Amino acid sequence: MRFTRPALRRFTSSLFVIVTAAMTAATTAYADAVNVYSARQEALIKPMLDRFTEETGIEVNLITGDGDALLTRLRSEGRNSPADVLLTVDAGRLYRAEEAGVLQPIESDYLEEHIPANLRDSDGNWFGLSVRARVIAYAKDRVDPAELSTYEALTDEQWRGRICVRSSGNIYNQSLVASMLSTQGEAATQAWTQGLVANFARPPQGGDRDQIKALAAGQCDIALVNSYYYGAMLQSDDPEEQAAAAEVSVFFPNQDGRGTHINVSGAGVTQSAKNVEEARALIEFLAGAEAQRWYAEANNEYPAITGVAPSALLESWGNFKADSVDVTELGRLNAQAVMAMDRAHWK
């Protein structure tokens, strides 16, 4: 089709109007809203997002998915990503997101004042929002808690063929090994991973809930799990999960030394964010007392800010000394941790 000059001018003018209208519509769609990519299950985060909307009038558009898949999506979308906030679990994943260049610094006096320095990125690219402990779960009828002490002691001969744990591909285990690299050094950590593998009751398989079920079934006597999985099973609607958790208790290791290994869930503002102020407001809200209490009650995780008590269930397990290692180290040393696990043939 060929245009005369007047027709071409009219066509160009019409096209400009259409493009301008589309851009205006896109801007309107972003206004007073925040778009969240979340590795947390919808049931574990949406109630607080709805509460944020009620309080601020800012709508939240939520997309949930696997943490690694969401990071891959952010990288592939680049500047065109609609995401304003990345909400994910484990400091290792938060560090990966920072290294991938998909986050930008958050300028927030509130977050810097209320989130402890060891639970956030020093440059403000992400902040921890809840804390989980990687504990030793044990079968109450076969293990006396007086026999338990440290992560390091799990390599002792008495635990030969008695330990269950998930695979080395799991970020939670990688971060545990990274924490040992940070505190114990490379040689000691390599020896520990080899000694731990020698004491496995079975090849690593399943998730943390499966390790607790294996304890109850007598397949092993102790396991490494995140504390909130145990809490979730105790409160589960599934009778099988409740019954398995009832056979188990948890122990916080290294209380006479560096403390129990902890990790975080956290959030950052994406590099592509169109709604930076709304994104910052949401993250500050999630670090507020109301959201922190909800995390503790609904997710069985420990508050990241001081002055907010854990849930009654968590308190029933007793207070514990937490490792004060900067969780950024868990990401920085991740590759080294994976190599140590590979050398130990931790499948």
C-alpha atoms as a PDB file:
ATOM      1  CA  MET A   1       0.000   0.000   0.000  1.00  0.00           C
ATOM      2  CA  ARG A   2       1.301   3.473  -0.964  1.00  0.00           C
ATOM      3  CA  PHE A   3       0.416   6.708   0.826  1.00  0.00           C
ATOM      4  CA  THR A   4       0.169  10.237  -0.541  1.00  0.00           C
ATOM      5  CA  ARG A   5       2.002  12.795   1.600  1.00  0.00           C
ATOM      6  CA  PRO A   6      -1.210  14.150   3.249  1.00  0.00           C
ATOM      7  CA  ALA A   7      -2.357  10.594   3.894  1.00  0.00           C
ATOM      8  CA  LEU A   8       1.069   9.705   5.278  1.00  0.00           C
ATOM      9  CA  ARG A   9       0.939  12.704   7.624  1.00  0.00           C
ATOM     10  CA  ARG A  10      -2.547  11.689   8.809  1.00  0.00           C
ATOM     11  CA  PHE A  11      -1.350   8.080   9.304  1.00  0.00           C
ATOM     12  CA  THR A  12       1.744   9.201  11.236  1.00  0.00           C
ATOM     13  CA  SER A  13      -0.355  11.504  13.395  1.00  0.00           C
ATOM     14  CA  SER A  14      -2.824   8.728  14.131  1.00  0.00           C
ATOM     15  CA  LEU A  15      -0.007   6.335  14.958  1.00  0.00           C
ATOM     16  CA  PHE A  16       1.482   8.883  17.378  1.00  0.00           C
ATOM     17  CA  VAL A  17      -1.881   9.216  19.125  1.00  0.00           C
ATOM     18  CA  ILE A  18      -2.221   5.433  19.408  1.00  0.00           C
ATOM     19  CA  VAL A  19       1.321   4.975  20.776  1.00  0.00           C
ATOM     20  CA  THR A  20       0.890   7.878  23.217  1.00  0.00           C
ATOM     21  CA  ALA A  21      -2.405   6.424  24.422  1.00  0.00           C
ATOM     22  CA  ALA A  22      -0.781   3.022  24.919  1.00  0.00           C
ATOM     23  CA  MET A  23       2.076   4.562  26.891  1.00  0.00           C
ATOM     24  CA  THR A  24      -0.386   6.534  29.005  1.00  0.00           C
ATOM     25  CA  ALA A  25      -2.390   3.359  29.671  1.00  0.00           C
ATOM     26  CA  ALA A  26       0.761   1.508  30.696  1.00  0.00           C
ATOM     27  CA  THR A  27       1.723   4.326  33.049  1.00  0.00           C
ATOM     28  CA  THR A  28      -1.773   4.351  34.514  1.00  0.00           C
ATOM     29  CA  ALA A  29      -1.591   0.580  35.039  1.00  0.00           C
ATOM     30  CA  TYR A  30       1.603   0.997  37.069  1.00  0.00           C
ATOM     31  CA  ALA A  31       0.375   3.924  39.157  1.00  0.00           C
ATOM     32  CA  ASP A  32      -0.499   3.173  42.793  1.00  0.00           C
ATOM     33  CA  ALA A  33       0.494  -0.462  42.359  1.00  0.00           C
ATOM     34  CA  VAL A  34       3.469  -2.677  43.038  1.00  0.00           C
ATOM     35  CA  ASN A  35       4.324  -5.842  41.124  1.00  0.00           C
ATOM     36  CA  VAL A  36       5.888  -8.654  43.143  1.00  0.00           C
ATOM     37  CA  TYR A  37       7.768 -11.761  42.029  1.00  0.00           C
ATOM     38  CA  SER A  38       7.610 -14.061  45.051  1.00  0.00           C
ATOM     39  CA  ALA A  39       9.289 -17.375  45.800  1.00  0.00           C
ATOM     40  CA  ARG A  40       7.062 -17.631  48.849  1.00  0.00           C
ATOM     41  CA  GLN A  41       3.891 -19.619  48.406  1.00  0.00           C
ATOM     42  CA  GLU A  42       0.844 -17.431  47.906  1.00  0.00           C
ATOM     43  CA  ALA A  43      -0.797 -18.608  51.133  1.00  0.00           C
ATOM     44  CA  LEU A  44       2.323 -17.571  53.072  1.00  0.00           C
ATOM     45  CA  ILE A  45       2.494 -14.014  51.768  1.00  0.00           C
ATOM     46  CA  LYS A  46      -0.791 -12.853  50.205  1.00  0.00           C
ATOM     47  CA  PRO A  47      -2.629 -12.100  53.468  1.00  0.00           C
ATOM     48  CA  MET A  48       0.020  -9.525  54.353  1.00  0.00           C
ATOM     49  CA  LEU A  49       0.019  -8.101  50.836  1.00  0.00           C
ATOM     50  CA  ASP A  50      -3.751  -7.659  51.116  1.00  0.00           C
ATOM     51  CA  ARG A  51      -3.263  -5.976  54.477  1.00  0.00           C
ATOM     52  CA  PHE A  52      -0.727  -3.612  52.893  1.00  0.00           C
ATOM     53  CA  THR A  53      -3.282  -2.667  50.234  1.00  0.00           C
ATOM     54  CA  GLU A  54      -5.923  -2.040  52.893  1.00  0.00           C
ATOM     55  CA  GLU A  55      -3.584   0.228  54.815  1.00  0.00           C
ATOM     56  CA  THR A  56      -1.998   2.155  51.938  1.00  0.00           C
ATOM     57  CA  GLY A  57      -4.376   1.873  48.983  1.00  0.00           C
ATOM     58  CA  ILE A  58      -1.515   0.514  46.883  1.00  0.00           C
ATOM     59  CA  GLU A  59      -2.546  -2.550  44.895  1.00  0.00           C
ATOM     60  CA  VAL A  60      -0.204  -5.543  44.774  1.00  0.00           C
ATOM     61  CA  ASN A  61       0.071  -7.765  41.710  1.00  0.00           C
ATOM     62  CA  LEU A  62       1.584 -11.105  42.751  1.00  0.00           C
ATOM     63  CA  ILE A  63       3.397 -13.713  40.687  1.00  0.00           C
ATOM     64  CA  THR A  64       4.714 -16.747  42.585  1.00  0.00           C
ATOM     65  CA  GLY A  65       7.207 -19.348  41.466  1.00  0.00           C
ATOM     66  CA  ASP A  66      10.415 -21.204  42.220  1.00  0.00           C
ATOM     67  CA  GLY A  67      13.160 -18.898  43.478  1.00  0.00           C
ATOM     68  CA  ASP A  68      15.731 -19.871  40.864  1.00  0.00           C
ATOM     69  CA  ALA A  69      13.133 -19.731  38.072  1.00  0.00           C
ATOM     70  CA  LEU A  70      12.062 -16.228  39.100  1.00  0.00           C
ATOM     71  CA  LEU A  71      15.667 -15.026  39.023  1.00  0.00           C
ATOM     72  CA  THR A  72      16.098 -16.526  35.559  1.00  0.00           C
ATOM     73  CA  ARG A  73      12.918 -14.759  34.466  1.00  0.00           C
ATOM     74  CA  LEU A  74      14.113 -11.426  35.821  1.00  0.00           C
ATOM     75  CA  ARG A  75      17.409 -11.768  34.001  1.00  0.00           C
ATOM     76  CA  SER A  76      15.773 -12.673  30.717  1.00  0.00           C
ATOM     77  CA  GLU A  77      13.201  -9.861  30.967  1.00  0.00           C
ATOM     78  CA  GLY A  78      15.864  -7.284  31.746  1.00  0.00           C
ATOM     79  CA  ARG A  79      14.674  -3.669  31.721  1.00  0.00           C
ATOM     80  CA  ASN A  80      11.314  -4.789  30.365  1.00  0.00           C
ATOM     81  CA  SER A  81      10.447  -6.781  33.466  1.00  0.00           C
ATOM     82  CA  PRO A  82       7.227  -5.617  35.128  1.00  0.00           C
ATOM     83  CA  ALA A  83       8.519  -6.709  38.534  1.00  0.00           C
ATOM     84  CA  ASP A  84       9.114  -4.051  41.180  1.00  0.00           C
ATOM     85  CA  VAL A  85       9.970  -6.356  44.086  1.00  0.00           C
ATOM     86  CA  LEU A  86      11.724  -9.717  44.297  1.00  0.00           C
ATOM     87  CA  LEU A  87      10.723 -11.645  47.414  1.00  0.00           C
ATOM     88  CA  THR A  88      12.687 -14.850  47.862  1.00  0.00           C
ATOM     89  CA  VAL A  89      14.084 -17.284  50.411  1.00  0.00           C
ATOM     90  CA  ASP A  90      17.689 -17.883  51.461  1.00  0.00           C
ATOM     91  CA  ALA A  91      20.470 -15.317  51.516  1.00  0.00           C
ATOM     92  CA  GLY A  92      22.228 -17.360  48.843  1.00  0.00           C
ATOM     93  CA  ARG A  93      19.459 -16.574  46.358  1.00  0.00           C
ATOM     94  CA  LEU A  94      19.347 -12.919  47.376  1.00  0.00           C
ATOM     95  CA  TYR A  95      23.092 -12.705  46.798  1.00  0.00           C
ATOM     96  CA  ARG A  96      22.695 -14.336  43.379  1.00  0.00           C
ATOM     97  CA  ALA A  97      20.074 -11.753  42.459  1.00  0.00           C
ATOM     98  CA  GLU A  98      22.411  -8.953  43.512  1.00  0.00           C
ATOM     99  CA  GLU A  99      25.292 -10.448  41.527  1.00  0.00           C
ATOM    100  CA  ALA A 100      23.021 -10.841  38.497  1.00  0.00           C
ATOM    101  CA  GLY A 101      22.363  -7.098  38.540  1.00  0.00           C
ATOM    102  CA  VAL A 102      18.583  -7.396  38.865  1.00  0.00           C
ATOM    103  CA  LEU A 103      18.346  -5.406  42.123  1.00  0.00           C
ATOM    104  CA  GLN A 104      18.931  -1.766  42.974  1.00  0.00           C
ATOM    105  CA  PRO A 105      19.824  -0.172  46.326  1.00  0.00           C
ATOM    106  CA  ILE A 106      16.941   0.762  48.615  1.00  0.00           C
ATOM    107  CA  GLU A 107      17.295   4.053  50.454  1.00  0.00           C
ATOM    108  CA  SER A 108      15.377   3.516  53.680  1.00  0.00           C
ATOM    109  CA  ASP A 109      16.299   4.817  57.108  1.00  0.00           C
ATOM    110  CA  TYR A 110      13.617   2.555  58.585  1.00  0.00           C
ATOM    111  CA  LEU A 111      15.069  -0.648  57.127  1.00  0.00           C
ATOM    112  CA  GLU A 112      18.628   0.275  58.028  1.00  0.00           C
ATOM    113  CA  GLU A 113      17.569   1.050  61.581  1.00  0.00           C
ATOM    114  CA  HIS A 114      15.381  -2.007  62.183  1.00  0.00           C
ATOM    115  CA  ILE A 115      16.980  -4.865  60.201  1.00  0.00           C
ATOM    116  CA  PRO A 116      20.228  -6.022  61.883  1.00  0.00           C
ATOM    117  CA  ALA A 117      23.340  -5.464  59.786  1.00  0.00           C
ATOM    118  CA  ASN A 118      24.132  -9.191  59.524  1.00  0.00           C
ATOM    119  CA  LEU A 119      20.665  -9.849  58.023  1.00  0.00           C
ATOM    120  CA  ARG A 120      20.920  -7.445  55.080  1.00  0.00           C
ATOM    121  CA  ASP A 121      23.116  -6.447  52.184  1.00  0.00           C
ATOM    122  CA  SER A 122      25.641  -3.809  53.183  1.00  0.00           C
ATOM    123  CA  ASP A 123      24.845  -1.797  50.036  1.00  0.00           C
ATOM    124  CA  GLY A 124      21.089  -1.926  50.633  1.00  0.00           C
ATOM    125  CA  ASN A 125      20.234  -4.141  47.657  1.00  0.00           C
ATOM    126  CA  TRP A 126      18.162  -6.490  49.818  1.00  0.00           C
ATOM    127  CA  PHE A 127      16.948  -6.868  53.388  1.00  0.00           C
ATOM    128  CA  GLY A 128      16.102  -9.965  55.430  1.00  0.00           C
ATOM    129  CA  LEU A 129      12.456 -10.114  56.490  1.00  0.00           C
ATOM    130  CA  SER A 130      12.267 -13.336  58.499  1.00  0.00           C
ATOM    131  CA  VAL A 131      14.713 -15.732  60.109  1.00  0.00           C
ATOM    132  CA  ARG A 132      14.833 -19.514  60.019  1.00  0.00           C
ATOM    133  CA  ALA A 133      17.187 -21.827  61.904  1.00  0.00           C
ATOM    134  CA  ARG A 134      18.708 -25.010  60.496  1.00  0.00           C
ATOM    135  CA  VAL A 135      18.375 -27.361  63.431  1.00  0.00           C
ATOM    136  CA  ILE A 136      18.986 -30.989  64.312  1.00  0.00           C
ATOM    137  CA  ALA A 137      15.716 -32.921  64.377  1.00  0.00           C
ATOM    138  CA  TYR A 138      15.872 -36.170  66.316  1.00  0.00           C
ATOM    139  CA  ALA A 139      13.712 -39.205  67.042  1.00  0.00           C
ATOM    140  CA  LYS A 140      12.592 -38.815  70.647  1.00  0.00           C
ATOM    141  CA  ASP A 141      12.481 -42.560  71.335  1.00  0.00           C
ATOM    142  CA  ARG A 142      15.987 -43.252  70.037  1.00  0.00           C
ATOM    143  CA  VAL A 143      18.068 -40.163  70.777  1.00  0.00           C
ATOM    144  CA  ASP A 144      18.775 -38.466  74.088  1.00  0.00           C
ATOM    145  CA  PRO A 145      19.225 -34.736  73.446  1.00  0.00           C
ATOM    146  CA  ALA A 146      22.150 -34.867  75.870  1.00  0.00           C
ATOM    147  CA  GLU A 147      23.979 -36.756  73.098  1.00  0.00           C
ATOM    148  CA  LEU A 148      23.684 -33.747  70.788  1.00  0.00           C
ATOM    149  CA  SER A 149      25.956 -30.719  70.793  1.00  0.00           C
ATOM    150  CA  THR A 150      27.258 -29.222  67.544  1.00  0.00           C
ATOM    151  CA  TYR A 151      27.072 -29.567  63.767  1.00  0.00           C
ATOM    152  CA  GLU A 152      30.709 -30.602  63.889  1.00  0.00           C
ATOM    153  CA  ALA A 153      29.931 -33.519  66.235  1.00  0.00           C
ATOM    154  CA  LEU A 154      27.632 -35.072  63.618  1.00  0.00           C
ATOM    155  CA  THR A 155      30.734 -36.629  62.082  1.00  0.00           C
ATOM    156  CA  ASP A 156      31.349 -38.741  65.218  1.00  0.00           C
ATOM    157  CA  GLU A 157      31.310 -42.518  64.942  1.00  0.00           C
ATOM    158  CA  GLN A 158      28.167 -42.769  67.082  1.00  0.00           C
ATOM    159  CA  TRP A 159      26.106 -41.295  64.207  1.00  0.00           C
ATOM    160  CA  ARG A 160      27.322 -43.723  61.543  1.00  0.00           C
ATOM    161  CA  GLY A 161      24.365 -44.691  59.361  1.00  0.00           C
ATOM    162  CA  ARG A 162      21.934 -42.580  61.407  1.00  0.00           C
ATOM    163  CA  ILE A 163      21.663 -39.203  59.598  1.00  0.00           C
ATOM    164  CA  CYS A 164      19.074 -38.085  57.021  1.00  0.00           C
ATOM    165  CA  VAL A 165      19.467 -34.924  54.958  1.00  0.00           C
ATOM    166  CA  ARG A 166      18.337 -33.595  51.615  1.00  0.00           C
ATOM    167  CA  SER A 167      20.620 -33.271  48.585  1.00  0.00           C
ATOM    168  CA  SER A 168      23.625 -31.043  48.058  1.00  0.00           C
ATOM    169  CA  GLY A 169      21.665 -29.281  45.324  1.00  0.00           C
ATOM    170  CA  ASN A 170      19.486 -27.697  47.989  1.00  0.00           C
ATOM    171  CA  ILE A 171      20.329 -24.060  48.752  1.00  0.00           C
ATOM    172  CA  TYR A 172      19.658 -24.531  52.485  1.00  0.00           C
ATOM    173  CA  ASN A 173      22.403 -27.131  52.782  1.00  0.00           C
ATOM    174  CA  GLN A 174      24.712 -25.090  50.581  1.00  0.00           C
ATOM    175  CA  SER A 175      24.257 -22.110  52.892  1.00  0.00           C
ATOM    176  CA  LEU A 176      24.944 -24.249  55.963  1.00  0.00           C
ATOM    177  CA  VAL A 177      28.233 -25.386  54.437  1.00  0.00           C
ATOM    178  CA  ALA A 178      29.010 -21.799  53.423  1.00  0.00           C
ATOM    179  CA  SER A 179      28.508 -20.701  57.031  1.00  0.00           C
ATOM    180  CA  MET A 180      31.019 -23.317  58.129  1.00  0.00           C
ATOM    181  CA  LEU A 181      33.498 -22.098  55.536  1.00  0.00           C
ATOM    182  CA  SER A 182      33.104 -18.613  56.966  1.00  0.00           C
ATOM    183  CA  THR A 183      33.669 -19.704  60.568  1.00  0.00           C
ATOM    184  CA  GLN A 184      35.761 -22.877  60.360  1.00  0.00           C
ATOM    185  CA  GLY A 185      37.831 -22.441  57.215  1.00  0.00           C
ATOM    186  CA  GLU A 186      38.217 -24.593  54.113  1.00  0.00           C
ATOM    187  CA  ALA A 187      40.160 -27.564  55.528  1.00  0.00           C
ATOM    188  CA  ALA A 188      37.873 -28.088  58.523  1.00  0.00           C
ATOM    189  CA  THR A 189      34.762 -27.701  56.389  1.00  0.00           C
ATOM    190  CA  GLN A 190      35.997 -30.231  53.833  1.00  0.00           C
ATOM    191  CA  ALA A 191      36.696 -32.730  56.598  1.00  0.00           C
ATOM    192  CA  TRP A 192      33.253 -32.083  58.054  1.00  0.00           C
ATOM    193  CA  THR A 193      31.383 -32.652  54.797  1.00  0.00           C
ATOM    194  CA  GLN A 194      33.241 -35.926  54.250  1.00  0.00           C
ATOM    195  CA  GLY A 195      32.535 -37.085  57.794  1.00  0.00           C
ATOM    196  CA  LEU A 196      28.875 -36.137  57.521  1.00  0.00           C
ATOM    197  CA  VAL A 197      28.442 -38.036  54.245  1.00  0.00           C
ATOM    198  CA  ALA A 198      30.036 -41.102  55.851  1.00  0.00           C
ATOM    199  CA  ASN A 199      27.269 -41.039  58.463  1.00  0.00           C
ATOM    200  CA  PHE A 200      24.311 -40.817  56.068  1.00  0.00           C
ATOM    201  CA  ALA A 201      21.609 -43.406  56.692  1.00  0.00           C
ATOM    202  CA  ARG A 202      20.477 -43.266  53.044  1.00  0.00           C
ATOM    203  CA  PRO A 203      21.230 -41.310  49.865  1.00  0.00           C
ATOM    204  CA  PRO A 204      19.936 -37.734  50.183  1.00  0.00           C
ATOM    205  CA  GLN A 205      16.379 -37.409  48.913  1.00  0.00           C
ATOM    206  CA  GLY A 206      13.216 -35.365  49.352  1.00  0.00           C
ATOM    207  CA  GLY A 207      12.654 -32.128  51.216  1.00  0.00           C
ATOM    208  CA  ASP A 208      12.895 -31.236  54.886  1.00  0.00           C
ATOM    209  CA  ARG A 209       9.440 -32.636  55.626  1.00  0.00           C
ATOM    210  CA  ASP A 210      10.594 -35.941  54.136  1.00  0.00           C
ATOM    211  CA  GLN A 211      13.542 -36.034  56.524  1.00  0.00           C
ATOM    212  CA  ILE A 212      11.160 -35.673  59.475  1.00  0.00           C
ATOM    213  CA  LYS A 213       8.928 -38.414  58.072  1.00  0.00           C
ATOM    214  CA  ALA A 214      12.006 -40.628  57.682  1.00  0.00           C
ATOM    215  CA  LEU A 215      12.840 -40.064  61.354  1.00  0.00           C
ATOM    216  CA  ALA A 216       9.347 -41.105  62.383  1.00  0.00           C
ATOM    217  CA  ALA A 217       9.556 -44.175  60.134  1.00  0.00           C
ATOM    218  CA  GLY A 218      12.832 -45.302  61.723  1.00  0.00           C
ATOM    219  CA  GLN A 219      14.936 -44.805  58.597  1.00  0.00           C
ATOM    220  CA  CYS A 220      17.332 -42.562  60.519  1.00  0.00           C
ATOM    221  CA  ASP A 221      17.710 -41.092  63.990  1.00  0.00           C
ATOM    222  CA  ILE A 222      18.688 -37.465  63.340  1.00  0.00           C
ATOM    223  CA  ALA A 223      18.256 -35.045  60.449  1.00  0.00           C
ATOM    224  CA  LEU A 224      19.146 -31.515  59.425  1.00  0.00           C
ATOM    225  CA  VAL A 225      16.021 -29.447  58.758  1.00  0.00           C
ATOM    226  CA  ASN A 226      14.794 -25.869  58.790  1.00  0.00           C
ATOM    227  CA  SER A 227      12.861 -25.250  61.984  1.00  0.00           C
ATOM    228  CA  TYR A 228       9.727 -23.893  60.302  1.00  0.00           C
ATOM    229  CA  TYR A 229       9.077 -27.195  58.499  1.00  0.00           C
ATOM    230  CA  TYR A 230       8.835 -28.926  61.859  1.00  0.00           C
ATOM    231  CA  GLY A 231       6.432 -26.246  63.072  1.00  0.00           C
ATOM    232  CA  ALA A 232       4.354 -26.524  59.910  1.00  0.00           C
ATOM    233  CA  MET A 233       4.033 -30.284  60.344  1.00  0.00           C
ATOM    234  CA  LEU A 234       2.989 -29.965  63.976  1.00  0.00           C
ATOM    235  CA  GLN A 235       0.198 -27.619  62.852  1.00  0.00           C
ATOM    236  CA  SER A 236      -0.612 -29.453  59.622  1.00  0.00           C
ATOM    237  CA  ASP A 237      -4.113 -30.491  58.559  1.00  0.00           C
ATOM    238  CA  ASP A 238      -2.562 -33.746  57.355  1.00  0.00           C
ATOM    239  CA  PRO A 239      -2.809 -36.394  60.130  1.00  0.00           C
ATOM    240  CA  GLU A 240       0.216 -38.215  58.708  1.00  0.00           C
ATOM    241  CA  GLU A 241       2.394 -35.102  59.002  1.00  0.00           C
ATOM    242  CA  GLN A 242       1.134 -34.395  62.510  1.00  0.00           C
ATOM    243  CA  ALA A 243       1.852 -37.954  63.594  1.00  0.00           C
ATOM    244  CA  ALA A 244       5.371 -37.869  62.153  1.00  0.00           C
ATOM    245  CA  ALA A 245       6.196 -34.552  63.819  1.00  0.00           C
ATOM    246  CA  ALA A 246       4.899 -35.847  67.158  1.00  0.00           C
ATOM    247  CA  GLU A 247       7.641 -38.505  67.107  1.00  0.00           C
ATOM    248  CA  VAL A 248      10.341 -35.865  66.685  1.00  0.00           C
ATOM    249  CA  SER A 249      11.874 -32.965  68.568  1.00  0.00           C
ATOM    250  CA  VAL A 250      14.427 -30.325  67.615  1.00  0.00           C
ATOM    251  CA  PHE A 251      17.802 -29.341  69.022  1.00  0.00           C
ATOM    252  CA  PHE A 252      19.633 -26.051  68.492  1.00  0.00           C
ATOM    253  CA  PRO A 253      23.320 -26.885  67.955  1.00  0.00           C
ATOM    254  CA  ASN A 254      26.482 -24.935  68.810  1.00  0.00           C
ATOM    255  CA  GLN A 255      24.974 -23.108  71.769  1.00  0.00           C
ATOM    256  CA  ASP A 256      28.306 -23.020  73.580  1.00  0.00           C
ATOM    257  CA  GLY A 257      30.070 -21.624  70.530  1.00  0.00           C
ATOM    258  CA  ARG A 258      29.129 -19.640  67.448  1.00  0.00           C
ATOM    259  CA  GLY A 259      25.422 -20.449  67.701  1.00  0.00           C
ATOM    260  CA  THR A 260      22.892 -22.174  65.463  1.00  0.00           C
ATOM    261  CA  HIS A 261      23.082 -21.459  61.736  1.00  0.00           C
ATOM    262  CA  ILE A 262      20.346 -19.079  60.605  1.00  0.00           C
ATOM    263  CA  ASN A 263      19.188 -17.844  57.218  1.00  0.00           C
ATOM    264  CA  VAL A 264      16.616 -15.365  55.966  1.00  0.00           C
ATOM    265  CA  SER A 265      13.810 -14.764  53.565  1.00  0.00           C
ATOM    266  CA  GLY A 266      14.133 -11.285  52.144  1.00  0.00           C
ATOM    267  CA  ALA A 267      13.276  -8.775  49.479  1.00  0.00           C
ATOM    268  CA  GLY A 268      14.786  -6.211  47.175  1.00  0.00           C
ATOM    269  CA  VAL A 269      13.643  -3.625  44.656  1.00  0.00           C
ATOM    270  CA  THR A 270      14.297  -4.756  41.093  1.00  0.00           C
ATOM    271  CA  GLN A 271      16.519  -2.833  38.720  1.00  0.00           C
ATOM    272  CA  SER A 272      13.580  -2.600  36.315  1.00  0.00           C
ATOM    273  CA  ALA A 273      11.133  -1.230  38.906  1.00  0.00           C
ATOM    274  CA  LYS A 274       8.664   1.357  37.605  1.00  0.00           C
ATOM    275  CA  ASN A 275       7.191   1.886  41.083  1.00  0.00           C
ATOM    276  CA  VAL A 276      10.214   2.353  43.317  1.00  0.00           C
ATOM    277  CA  GLU A 277       8.460   4.307  46.061  1.00  0.00           C
ATOM    278  CA  GLU A 278       5.618   1.797  46.265  1.00  0.00           C
ATOM    279  CA  ALA A 279       8.134  -1.052  46.295  1.00  0.00           C
ATOM    280  CA  ARG A 280      10.073   0.504  49.153  1.00  0.00           C
ATOM    281  CA  ALA A 281       6.835   1.118  51.063  1.00  0.00           C
ATOM    282  CA  LEU A 282       5.893  -2.545  50.714  1.00  0.00           C
ATOM    283  CA  ILE A 283       9.256  -3.814  51.948  1.00  0.00           C
ATOM    284  CA  GLU A 284       9.139  -1.418  54.894  1.00  0.00           C
ATOM    285  CA  PHE A 285       5.635  -2.676  55.683  1.00  0.00           C
ATOM    286  CA  LEU A 286       6.855  -6.289  55.636  1.00  0.00           C
ATOM    287  CA  ALA A 287       9.572  -5.268  58.078  1.00  0.00           C
ATOM    288  CA  GLY A 288       7.019  -3.662  60.385  1.00  0.00           C
ATOM    289  CA  ALA A 289       5.798  -5.091  63.664  1.00  0.00           C
ATOM    290  CA  GLU A 290       2.428  -6.276  62.330  1.00  0.00           C
ATOM    291  CA  ALA A 291       3.909  -8.218  59.423  1.00  0.00           C
ATOM    292  CA  GLN A 292       6.710  -9.581  61.583  1.00  0.00           C
ATOM    293  CA  ARG A 293       4.216 -10.942  64.099  1.00  0.00           C
ATOM    294  CA  TRP A 294       2.251 -12.517  61.256  1.00  0.00           C
ATOM    295  CA  TYR A 295       5.392 -14.175  59.870  1.00  0.00           C
ATOM    296  CA  ALA A 296       6.007 -15.693  63.276  1.00  0.00           C
ATOM    297  CA  GLU A 297       2.447 -16.958  63.712  1.00  0.00           C
ATOM    298  CA  ALA A 298       1.647 -18.120  60.174  1.00  0.00           C
ATOM    299  CA  ASN A 299       5.040 -19.182  58.836  1.00  0.00           C
ATOM    300  CA  ASN A 300       6.729 -20.442  62.027  1.00  0.00           C
ATOM    301  CA  GLU A 301       9.688 -18.191  61.316  1.00  0.00           C
ATOM    302  CA  TYR A 302      11.491 -15.859  63.678  1.00  0.00           C
ATOM    303  CA  PRO A 303      11.071 -12.074  63.345  1.00  0.00           C
ATOM    304  CA  ALA A 304      13.962 -10.261  61.695  1.00  0.00           C
ATOM    305  CA  ILE A 305      13.487  -7.124  63.795  1.00  0.00           C
ATOM    306  CA  THR A 306      14.063  -6.843  67.506  1.00  0.00           C
ATOM    307  CA  GLY A 307      11.204  -6.263  69.902  1.00  0.00           C
ATOM    308  CA  VAL A 308       8.766  -8.675  68.229  1.00  0.00           C
ATOM    309  CA  ALA A 309       8.253 -11.950  70.060  1.00  0.00           C
ATOM    310  CA  PRO A 310       8.165 -15.268  68.205  1.00  0.00           C
ATOM    311  CA  SER A 311       4.982 -17.309  68.202  1.00  0.00           C
ATOM    312  CA  ALA A 312       3.954 -19.378  71.211  1.00  0.00           C
ATOM    313  CA  LEU A 313       4.997 -22.538  69.354  1.00  0.00           C
ATOM    314  CA  LEU A 314       8.477 -21.204  68.649  1.00  0.00           C
ATOM    315  CA  GLU A 315       8.798 -19.974  72.207  1.00  0.00           C
ATOM    316  CA  SER A 316       7.920 -23.467  73.441  1.00  0.00           C
ATOM    317  CA  TRP A 317      11.147 -24.718  71.850  1.00  0.00           C
ATOM    318  CA  GLY A 318      13.121 -22.307  74.022  1.00  0.00           C
ATOM    319  CA  ASN A 319      15.452 -19.427  73.294  1.00  0.00           C
ATOM    320  CA  PHE A 320      18.594 -20.090  71.320  1.00  0.00           C
ATOM    321  CA  LYS A 321      21.834 -18.377  70.422  1.00  0.00           C
ATOM    322  CA  ALA A 322      21.975 -17.605  66.698  1.00  0.00           C
ATOM    323  CA  ASP A 323      25.103 -17.499  64.597  1.00  0.00           C
ATOM    324  CA  SER A 324      26.008 -13.853  63.973  1.00  0.00           C
ATOM    325  CA  VAL A 325      27.755 -14.503  60.647  1.00  0.00           C
ATOM    326  CA  ASP A 326      26.806 -11.934  58.017  1.00  0.00           C
ATOM    327  CA  VAL A 327      24.328 -13.813  55.817  1.00  0.00           C
ATOM    328  CA  THR A 328      25.883 -12.182  52.754  1.00  0.00           C
ATOM    329  CA  GLU A 329      28.743 -14.623  53.303  1.00  0.00           C
ATOM    330  CA  LEU A 330      26.340 -17.483  52.574  1.00  0.00           C
ATOM    331  CA  GLY A 331      26.027 -16.221  49.026  1.00  0.00           C
ATOM    332  CA  ARG A 332      29.624 -15.167  48.559  1.00  0.00           C
ATOM    333  CA  LEU A 333      30.892 -18.606  49.580  1.00  0.00           C
ATOM    334  CA  ASN A 334      28.172 -20.603  47.810  1.00  0.00           C
ATOM    335  CA  ALA A 335      30.311 -21.815  44.909  1.00  0.00           C
ATOM    336  CA  GLN A 336      33.064 -22.889  47.300  1.00  0.00           C
ATOM    337  CA  ALA A 337      30.490 -24.712  49.440  1.00  0.00           C
ATOM    338  CA  VAL A 338      29.140 -26.611  46.428  1.00  0.00           C
ATOM    339  CA  MET A 339      32.663 -27.690  45.475  1.00  0.00           C
ATOM    340  CA  ALA A 340      33.311 -28.955  49.011  1.00  0.00           C
ATOM    341  CA  MET A 341      30.073 -30.962  48.910  1.00  0.00           C
ATOM    342  CA  ASP A 342      30.942 -32.375  45.492  1.00  0.00           C
ATOM    343  CA  ARG A 343      34.391 -33.450  46.668  1.00  0.00           C
ATOM    344  CA  ALA A 344      32.740 -35.238  49.604  1.00  0.00           C
ATOM    345  CA  HIS A 345      30.366 -37.039  47.181  1.00  0.00           C
ATOM    346  CA  TRP A 346      27.343 -35.463  48.859  1.00  0.00           C
ATOM    347  CA  LYS A 347      24.778 -36.330  46.196  1.00  0.00           C
END
